[in-house]
Amino acid sequence: MEQQGLFHKPSTSTASGLDREEQSVWEAVRYHRGKENSVLGPTLAAMTEIDYTKVREIISHLVKRHSCLIASHSKGYYIPVTAEEVDEATRSLRHRGISILVRAAKLQKTSITDIFNQALLEFDRAPRRVHGEKERP
C-alpha cells in the first residue's frame, strides 16, 4: 500500500490484496474526497451492484484490514482530506462507542469500566472473520 502524507490507500490494482468486490467499493468511494463530497451507502450499493449490507461490511473490512481511510457521517461515506476531518470522524466513533458501552453497563447494572474490560477479553478471544468467509480461529 502507498502512503500519502497521513493517509493510506490501497493501490489501484487488485494485486494489492483486494478482491473484486472490495476493489469495486474502493473505486466507488475513493473519489468522494472530503466530507462535503460524501456518498450515501445505498448510492454506493447501486454504483457497485452490491447489496447495501455487503457494502457496509466491505467498507468495514477495507478500514480494518487494508487501512483505508474511509470516514462516515449521516450523509454518507468519504475519504477525509484534512486532519480536522480525521479528528471529527474519530470523535464521532469514540462518542458512539462510549454511548453503547454506557447502555450496556446500565443493562447489566455495572460500571462502564467492567463492561469495557469484559469487552476487551471477549474481543481478544473472538475469532476473526474476513467479509464473506466463515469465522476463523
N, C-alpha and C. Protein backbone atom coordinates (compact mmCIF):
# COMPACT_ATOMS: atom_id res chain seq x y z
N MET A 1 0.83 -1.19 0.00
CA MET A 1 0.00 0.00 0.00
C MET A 1 0.87 1.25 0.00
N GLU A 2 0.40 2.25 -0.70
CA GLU A 2 1.10 3.52 -0.72
C GLU A 2 0.72 4.33 0.51
N GLN A 3 1.58 5.22 0.86
CA GLN A 3 1.25 6.16 1.94
C GLN A 3 1.32 7.55 1.35
N GLN A 4 0.27 8.32 1.54
CA GLN A 4 0.23 9.70 1.09
C GLN A 4 0.06 10.58 2.31
N GLY A 5 1.11 11.22 2.74
CA GLY A 5 1.03 12.04 3.93
C GLY A 5 0.54 11.22 5.11
N LEU A 6 -0.53 11.70 5.75
CA LEU A 6 -1.12 10.99 6.87
C LEU A 6 -2.03 9.86 6.43
N PHE A 7 -2.38 9.84 5.15
CA PHE A 7 -3.45 8.97 4.70
C PHE A 7 -2.94 7.77 3.92
N HIS A 8 -3.55 6.62 4.18
CA HIS A 8 -3.20 5.39 3.49
C HIS A 8 -4.27 5.09 2.46
N LYS A 9 -3.87 4.44 1.38
CA LYS A 9 -4.84 3.96 0.41
C LYS A 9 -4.25 2.74 -0.27
N PRO A 10 -5.10 1.80 -0.65
CA PRO A 10 -4.56 0.66 -1.39
C PRO A 10 -4.23 1.10 -2.80
N SER A 11 -3.33 0.39 -3.44
CA SER A 11 -3.05 0.71 -4.83
C SER A 11 -4.29 0.40 -5.66
N THR A 12 -4.29 0.82 -6.89
CA THR A 12 -5.49 0.65 -7.69
C THR A 12 -5.59 -0.73 -8.33
N SER A 13 -4.60 -1.57 -8.18
CA SER A 13 -4.69 -2.90 -8.79
C SER A 13 -5.21 -3.91 -7.78
N THR A 14 -5.89 -4.93 -8.27
CA THR A 14 -6.40 -5.97 -7.39
C THR A 14 -5.25 -6.78 -6.80
N ALA A 15 -4.06 -6.64 -7.34
CA ALA A 15 -2.90 -7.34 -6.80
C ALA A 15 -2.55 -6.83 -5.41
N SER A 16 -3.11 -5.71 -5.01
CA SER A 16 -2.82 -5.15 -3.70
C SER A 16 -3.50 -5.94 -2.58
N GLY A 17 -4.18 -7.01 -2.92
CA GLY A 17 -4.82 -7.82 -1.91
C GLY A 17 -6.32 -7.61 -1.82
N LEU A 18 -6.87 -6.77 -2.67
CA LEU A 18 -8.32 -6.57 -2.66
C LEU A 18 -8.98 -7.53 -3.64
N ASP A 19 -10.10 -8.12 -3.20
CA ASP A 19 -10.83 -8.95 -4.14
C ASP A 19 -11.70 -8.05 -5.04
N ARG A 20 -12.42 -8.64 -5.96
CA ARG A 20 -13.19 -7.88 -6.94
C ARG A 20 -14.19 -6.94 -6.29
N GLU A 21 -14.94 -7.44 -5.31
CA GLU A 21 -15.95 -6.60 -4.64
C GLU A 21 -15.30 -5.49 -3.82
N GLU A 22 -14.23 -5.81 -3.12
CA GLU A 22 -13.51 -4.79 -2.35
C GLU A 22 -12.99 -3.69 -3.28
N GLN A 23 -12.40 -4.11 -4.39
CA GLN A 23 -11.88 -3.16 -5.37
C GLN A 23 -13.00 -2.29 -5.92
N SER A 24 -14.15 -2.89 -6.17
CA SER A 24 -15.29 -2.15 -6.71
C SER A 24 -15.77 -1.08 -5.73
N VAL A 25 -15.89 -1.45 -4.46
CA VAL A 25 -16.33 -0.49 -3.43
C VAL A 25 -15.27 0.60 -3.26
N TRP A 26 -14.00 0.20 -3.19
CA TRP A 26 -12.93 1.19 -3.03
C TRP A 26 -12.94 2.18 -4.20
N GLU A 27 -13.07 1.67 -5.42
CA GLU A 27 -13.09 2.55 -6.59
C GLU A 27 -14.28 3.51 -6.54
N ALA A 28 -15.41 3.06 -6.00
CA ALA A 28 -16.60 3.90 -5.92
C ALA A 28 -16.47 4.99 -4.86
N VAL A 29 -15.81 4.68 -3.75
CA VAL A 29 -15.74 5.65 -2.64
C VAL A 29 -14.51 6.55 -2.71
N ARG A 30 -13.45 6.11 -3.32
CA ARG A 30 -12.16 6.82 -3.25
C ARG A 30 -12.17 8.22 -3.85
N TYR A 31 -13.10 8.49 -4.74
CA TYR A 31 -13.16 9.82 -5.36
C TYR A 31 -14.05 10.78 -4.59
N HIS A 32 -14.66 10.31 -3.54
CA HIS A 32 -15.50 11.16 -2.69
C HIS A 32 -14.63 11.72 -1.58
N ARG A 33 -13.79 12.65 -1.98
CA ARG A 33 -12.78 13.21 -1.08
C ARG A 33 -13.35 14.42 -0.35
N GLY A 34 -13.26 14.38 0.97
CA GLY A 34 -13.77 15.47 1.80
C GLY A 34 -15.22 15.22 2.20
N LYS A 35 -15.53 15.64 3.40
CA LYS A 35 -16.85 15.42 3.97
C LYS A 35 -17.96 16.00 3.10
N GLU A 36 -17.69 17.12 2.47
CA GLU A 36 -18.71 17.77 1.65
C GLU A 36 -19.02 16.97 0.37
N ASN A 37 -18.21 15.98 0.06
CA ASN A 37 -18.42 15.16 -1.14
C ASN A 37 -18.84 13.73 -0.79
N SER A 38 -19.47 13.56 0.35
CA SER A 38 -19.88 12.23 0.82
C SER A 38 -20.82 11.55 -0.16
N VAL A 39 -20.82 10.23 -0.11
CA VAL A 39 -21.72 9.43 -0.94
C VAL A 39 -22.49 8.49 -0.02
N LEU A 40 -23.79 8.43 -0.20
CA LEU A 40 -24.63 7.56 0.63
C LEU A 40 -24.35 6.09 0.35
N GLY A 41 -24.51 5.27 1.37
CA GLY A 41 -24.32 3.83 1.23
C GLY A 41 -25.19 3.22 0.15
N PRO A 42 -26.50 3.53 0.11
CA PRO A 42 -27.34 2.96 -0.95
C PRO A 42 -26.87 3.39 -2.36
N THR A 43 -26.29 4.57 -2.47
CA THR A 43 -25.75 5.01 -3.76
C THR A 43 -24.54 4.17 -4.13
N LEU A 44 -23.65 3.90 -3.15
CA LEU A 44 -22.51 3.02 -3.39
C LEU A 44 -22.98 1.63 -3.81
N ALA A 45 -24.03 1.16 -3.15
CA ALA A 45 -24.58 -0.16 -3.50
C ALA A 45 -25.05 -0.17 -4.95
N ALA A 46 -25.74 0.88 -5.36
CA ALA A 46 -26.22 0.95 -6.74
C ALA A 46 -25.05 1.06 -7.72
N MET A 47 -24.05 1.85 -7.37
CA MET A 47 -22.88 2.04 -8.24
C MET A 47 -22.12 0.73 -8.45
N THR A 48 -22.03 -0.06 -7.38
CA THR A 48 -21.22 -1.29 -7.43
C THR A 48 -22.05 -2.54 -7.73
N GLU A 49 -23.37 -2.38 -7.69
CA GLU A 49 -24.29 -3.51 -7.85
C GLU A 49 -24.04 -4.58 -6.78
N ILE A 50 -23.72 -4.10 -5.57
CA ILE A 50 -23.51 -4.97 -4.42
C ILE A 50 -24.53 -4.56 -3.37
N ASP A 51 -25.14 -5.54 -2.72
CA ASP A 51 -26.13 -5.30 -1.69
C ASP A 51 -25.59 -4.31 -0.65
N TYR A 52 -26.44 -3.38 -0.21
CA TYR A 52 -26.02 -2.33 0.73
C TYR A 52 -25.41 -2.90 2.01
N THR A 53 -26.00 -3.94 2.56
CA THR A 53 -25.44 -4.56 3.77
C THR A 53 -24.02 -5.06 3.51
N LYS A 54 -23.81 -5.64 2.36
CA LYS A 54 -22.48 -6.15 1.98
C LYS A 54 -21.51 -4.98 1.77
N VAL A 55 -21.99 -3.87 1.19
CA VAL A 55 -21.14 -2.69 1.01
C VAL A 55 -20.64 -2.20 2.37
N ARG A 56 -21.54 -2.14 3.34
CA ARG A 56 -21.13 -1.70 4.69
C ARG A 56 -20.08 -2.65 5.27
N GLU A 57 -20.28 -3.94 5.08
CA GLU A 57 -19.33 -4.94 5.56
C GLU A 57 -17.97 -4.77 4.88
N ILE A 58 -18.00 -4.53 3.58
CA ILE A 58 -16.75 -4.35 2.82
C ILE A 58 -16.03 -3.09 3.27
N ILE A 59 -16.76 -2.00 3.49
CA ILE A 59 -16.12 -0.77 3.96
C ILE A 59 -15.45 -1.00 5.30
N SER A 60 -16.13 -1.69 6.20
CA SER A 60 -15.54 -2.01 7.50
C SER A 60 -14.26 -2.82 7.31
N HIS A 61 -14.31 -3.79 6.42
CA HIS A 61 -13.14 -4.62 6.13
C HIS A 61 -12.01 -3.79 5.53
N LEU A 62 -12.32 -2.90 4.60
CA LEU A 62 -11.29 -2.05 3.99
C LEU A 62 -10.60 -1.19 5.04
N VAL A 63 -11.36 -0.69 5.99
CA VAL A 63 -10.78 0.15 7.05
C VAL A 63 -9.93 -0.70 7.99
N LYS A 64 -10.48 -1.81 8.46
CA LYS A 64 -9.80 -2.62 9.48
C LYS A 64 -8.63 -3.43 8.93
N ARG A 65 -8.78 -4.02 7.77
CA ARG A 65 -7.76 -4.95 7.25
C ARG A 65 -6.81 -4.34 6.24
N HIS A 66 -7.27 -3.30 5.54
CA HIS A 66 -6.44 -2.71 4.49
C HIS A 66 -6.04 -1.27 4.79
N SER A 67 -6.39 -0.79 6.00
CA SER A 67 -6.03 0.56 6.46
C SER A 67 -6.49 1.67 5.53
N CYS A 68 -7.61 1.46 4.86
CA CYS A 68 -8.18 2.52 4.02
C CYS A 68 -8.82 3.56 4.94
N LEU A 69 -8.52 4.80 4.69
CA LEU A 69 -9.12 5.87 5.48
C LEU A 69 -10.47 6.21 4.85
N ILE A 70 -11.51 5.61 5.37
CA ILE A 70 -12.88 5.89 4.93
C ILE A 70 -13.65 6.32 6.16
N ALA A 71 -14.16 7.53 6.12
CA ALA A 71 -14.94 8.06 7.23
C ALA A 71 -16.40 8.06 6.84
N SER A 72 -17.25 8.26 7.84
CA SER A 72 -18.68 8.32 7.54
C SER A 72 -19.35 9.30 8.50
N HIS A 73 -20.49 9.75 8.07
CA HIS A 73 -21.37 10.58 8.90
C HIS A 73 -22.78 10.39 8.35
N SER A 74 -23.71 11.16 8.84
CA SER A 74 -25.11 10.94 8.47
C SER A 74 -25.39 11.09 6.98
N LYS A 75 -24.51 11.76 6.27
CA LYS A 75 -24.72 11.98 4.83
C LYS A 75 -23.87 11.05 3.97
N GLY A 76 -23.25 10.05 4.58
CA GLY A 76 -22.55 9.06 3.78
C GLY A 76 -21.09 8.83 4.12
N TYR A 77 -20.41 8.22 3.17
CA TYR A 77 -19.00 7.85 3.30
C TYR A 77 -18.15 8.82 2.51
N TYR A 78 -16.91 9.02 2.99
CA TYR A 78 -15.99 9.90 2.29
C TYR A 78 -14.56 9.59 2.71
N ILE A 79 -13.64 10.08 1.91
CA ILE A 79 -12.23 9.99 2.24
C ILE A 79 -11.85 11.30 2.92
N PRO A 80 -11.47 11.27 4.19
CA PRO A 80 -11.09 12.52 4.85
C PRO A 80 -9.82 13.09 4.22
N VAL A 81 -9.82 14.39 4.01
CA VAL A 81 -8.68 15.02 3.35
C VAL A 81 -7.93 15.99 4.26
N THR A 82 -8.47 16.26 5.42
CA THR A 82 -7.78 17.14 6.36
C THR A 82 -7.67 16.45 7.71
N ALA A 83 -6.73 16.91 8.50
CA ALA A 83 -6.59 16.38 9.86
C ALA A 83 -7.86 16.64 10.66
N GLU A 84 -8.52 17.75 10.39
CA GLU A 84 -9.76 18.08 11.09
C GLU A 84 -10.86 17.06 10.78
N GLU A 85 -10.94 16.64 9.52
CA GLU A 85 -11.94 15.62 9.16
C GLU A 85 -11.64 14.29 9.83
N VAL A 86 -10.37 13.94 9.91
CA VAL A 86 -9.99 12.70 10.61
C VAL A 86 -10.35 12.82 12.09
N ASP A 87 -10.03 13.94 12.70
CA ASP A 87 -10.34 14.15 14.12
C ASP A 87 -11.85 14.11 14.37
N GLU A 88 -12.61 14.75 13.51
CA GLU A 88 -14.07 14.77 13.66
C GLU A 88 -14.65 13.35 13.55
N ALA A 89 -14.19 12.59 12.57
CA ALA A 89 -14.67 11.22 12.40
C ALA A 89 -14.28 10.36 13.61
N THR A 90 -13.07 10.56 14.12
CA THR A 90 -12.60 9.81 15.28
C THR A 90 -13.43 10.13 16.52
N ARG A 91 -13.69 11.42 16.73
CA ARG A 91 -14.52 11.82 17.88
C ARG A 91 -15.92 11.21 17.78
N SER A 92 -16.48 11.20 16.60
CA SER A 92 -17.81 10.63 16.40
C SER A 92 -17.83 9.14 16.73
N LEU A 93 -16.83 8.41 16.24
CA LEU A 93 -16.75 6.97 16.53
C LEU A 93 -16.56 6.72 18.02
N ARG A 94 -15.68 7.49 18.64
CA ARG A 94 -15.43 7.34 20.07
C ARG A 94 -16.69 7.61 20.88
N HIS A 95 -17.42 8.66 20.53
CA HIS A 95 -18.66 9.01 21.22
C HIS A 95 -19.70 7.89 21.06
N ARG A 96 -19.83 7.38 19.85
CA ARG A 96 -20.79 6.30 19.60
C ARG A 96 -20.42 5.05 20.40
N GLY A 97 -19.13 4.71 20.41
CA GLY A 97 -18.68 3.53 21.15
C GLY A 97 -18.92 3.66 22.65
N ILE A 98 -18.61 4.82 23.20
CA ILE A 98 -18.81 5.04 24.63
C ILE A 98 -20.29 5.02 24.97
N SER A 99 -21.12 5.61 24.11
CA SER A 99 -22.57 5.61 24.35
C SER A 99 -23.12 4.18 24.40
N ILE A 100 -22.62 3.34 23.53
CA ILE A 100 -23.05 1.94 23.52
C ILE A 100 -22.60 1.23 24.79
N LEU A 101 -21.36 1.48 25.23
CA LEU A 101 -20.87 0.87 26.47
C LEU A 101 -21.66 1.35 27.68
N VAL A 102 -22.05 2.61 27.70
CA VAL A 102 -22.86 3.14 28.80
C VAL A 102 -24.20 2.40 28.85
N ARG A 103 -24.82 2.21 27.70
CA ARG A 103 -26.10 1.47 27.66
C ARG A 103 -25.92 0.05 28.16
N ALA A 104 -24.84 -0.61 27.73
CA ALA A 104 -24.58 -1.98 28.17
C ALA A 104 -24.37 -2.03 29.68
N ALA A 105 -23.66 -1.05 30.23
CA ALA A 105 -23.42 -1.01 31.68
C ALA A 105 -24.74 -0.83 32.43
N LYS A 106 -25.61 0.00 31.91
CA LYS A 106 -26.93 0.20 32.55
C LYS A 106 -27.73 -1.09 32.53
N LEU A 107 -27.72 -1.79 31.40
CA LEU A 107 -28.45 -3.05 31.30
C LEU A 107 -27.94 -4.09 32.30
N GLN A 108 -26.63 -4.13 32.46
CA GLN A 108 -26.01 -5.11 33.36
C GLN A 108 -25.92 -4.62 34.80
N LYS A 109 -26.30 -3.37 35.02
CA LYS A 109 -26.22 -2.75 36.36
C LYS A 109 -24.81 -2.87 36.92
N THR A 110 -23.86 -2.45 36.08
CA THR A 110 -22.45 -2.47 36.47
C THR A 110 -21.79 -1.20 35.94
N SER A 111 -20.50 -1.09 36.14
CA SER A 111 -19.79 0.11 35.70
C SER A 111 -19.37 -0.02 34.24
N ILE A 112 -19.16 1.13 33.62
CA ILE A 112 -18.67 1.14 32.24
C ILE A 112 -17.27 0.50 32.18
N THR A 113 -16.48 0.66 33.24
CA THR A 113 -15.15 0.04 33.29
C THR A 113 -15.26 -1.48 33.24
N ASP A 114 -16.18 -2.05 34.02
CA ASP A 114 -16.37 -3.51 33.99
C ASP A 114 -16.81 -3.98 32.60
N ILE A 115 -17.74 -3.25 32.00
CA ILE A 115 -18.22 -3.61 30.66
C ILE A 115 -17.08 -3.51 29.65
N PHE A 116 -16.29 -2.45 29.73
CA PHE A 116 -15.17 -2.27 28.81
C PHE A 116 -14.15 -3.39 28.96
N ASN A 117 -13.80 -3.72 30.20
CA ASN A 117 -12.82 -4.79 30.43
C ASN A 117 -13.34 -6.14 29.94
N GLN A 118 -14.63 -6.41 30.15
CA GLN A 118 -15.22 -7.65 29.65
C GLN A 118 -15.19 -7.68 28.12
N ALA A 119 -15.49 -6.54 27.51
CA ALA A 119 -15.47 -6.45 26.05
C ALA A 119 -14.06 -6.69 25.51
N LEU A 120 -13.05 -6.17 26.19
CA LEU A 120 -11.67 -6.41 25.76
C LEU A 120 -11.33 -7.89 25.79
N LEU A 121 -11.74 -8.57 26.86
CA LEU A 121 -11.50 -10.01 26.95
C LEU A 121 -12.18 -10.75 25.82
N GLU A 122 -13.44 -10.41 25.56
CA GLU A 122 -14.20 -11.08 24.50
C GLU A 122 -13.61 -10.78 23.13
N PHE A 123 -13.18 -9.54 22.93
CA PHE A 123 -12.60 -9.15 21.65
C PHE A 123 -11.31 -9.92 21.39
N ASP A 124 -10.49 -10.06 22.42
CA ASP A 124 -9.22 -10.80 22.27
C ASP A 124 -9.45 -12.27 21.95
N ARG A 125 -10.54 -12.83 22.45
CA ARG A 125 -10.83 -14.26 22.22
C ARG A 125 -11.65 -14.50 20.97
N ALA A 126 -12.25 -13.47 20.42
CA ALA A 126 -13.17 -13.64 19.29
C ALA A 126 -12.43 -14.07 18.04
N PRO A 127 -13.01 -15.04 17.33
CA PRO A 127 -12.40 -15.43 16.04
C PRO A 127 -12.50 -14.26 15.06
N ARG A 128 -11.53 -14.14 14.21
CA ARG A 128 -11.51 -13.06 13.21
C ARG A 128 -12.12 -13.58 11.91
N ARG A 129 -12.93 -12.71 11.29
CA ARG A 129 -13.54 -13.07 10.01
C ARG A 129 -13.13 -12.05 8.96
N VAL A 130 -13.00 -12.53 7.77
CA VAL A 130 -12.88 -11.67 6.61
C VAL A 130 -14.26 -11.69 5.98
N HIS A 131 -14.72 -10.53 5.49
CA HIS A 131 -16.09 -10.47 4.98
C HIS A 131 -16.34 -11.62 4.01
N GLY A 132 -17.51 -12.21 4.14
CA GLY A 132 -17.90 -13.28 3.24
C GLY A 132 -17.35 -14.66 3.58
N GLU A 133 -16.51 -14.75 4.61
CA GLU A 133 -15.94 -16.04 5.00
C GLU A 133 -16.51 -16.48 6.33
N LYS A 134 -16.38 -17.76 6.60
CA LYS A 134 -16.77 -18.28 7.90
C LYS A 134 -15.75 -17.84 8.93
N GLU A 135 -16.14 -17.90 10.21
CA GLU A 135 -15.24 -17.47 11.28
C GLU A 135 -13.96 -18.26 11.28
N ARG A 136 -12.87 -17.56 11.60
CA ARG A 136 -11.55 -18.19 11.73
C ARG A 136 -11.19 -18.26 13.19
N PRO A 137 -10.44 -19.28 13.60
CA PRO A 137 -9.98 -19.34 14.99
C PRO A 137 -8.95 -18.29 15.29
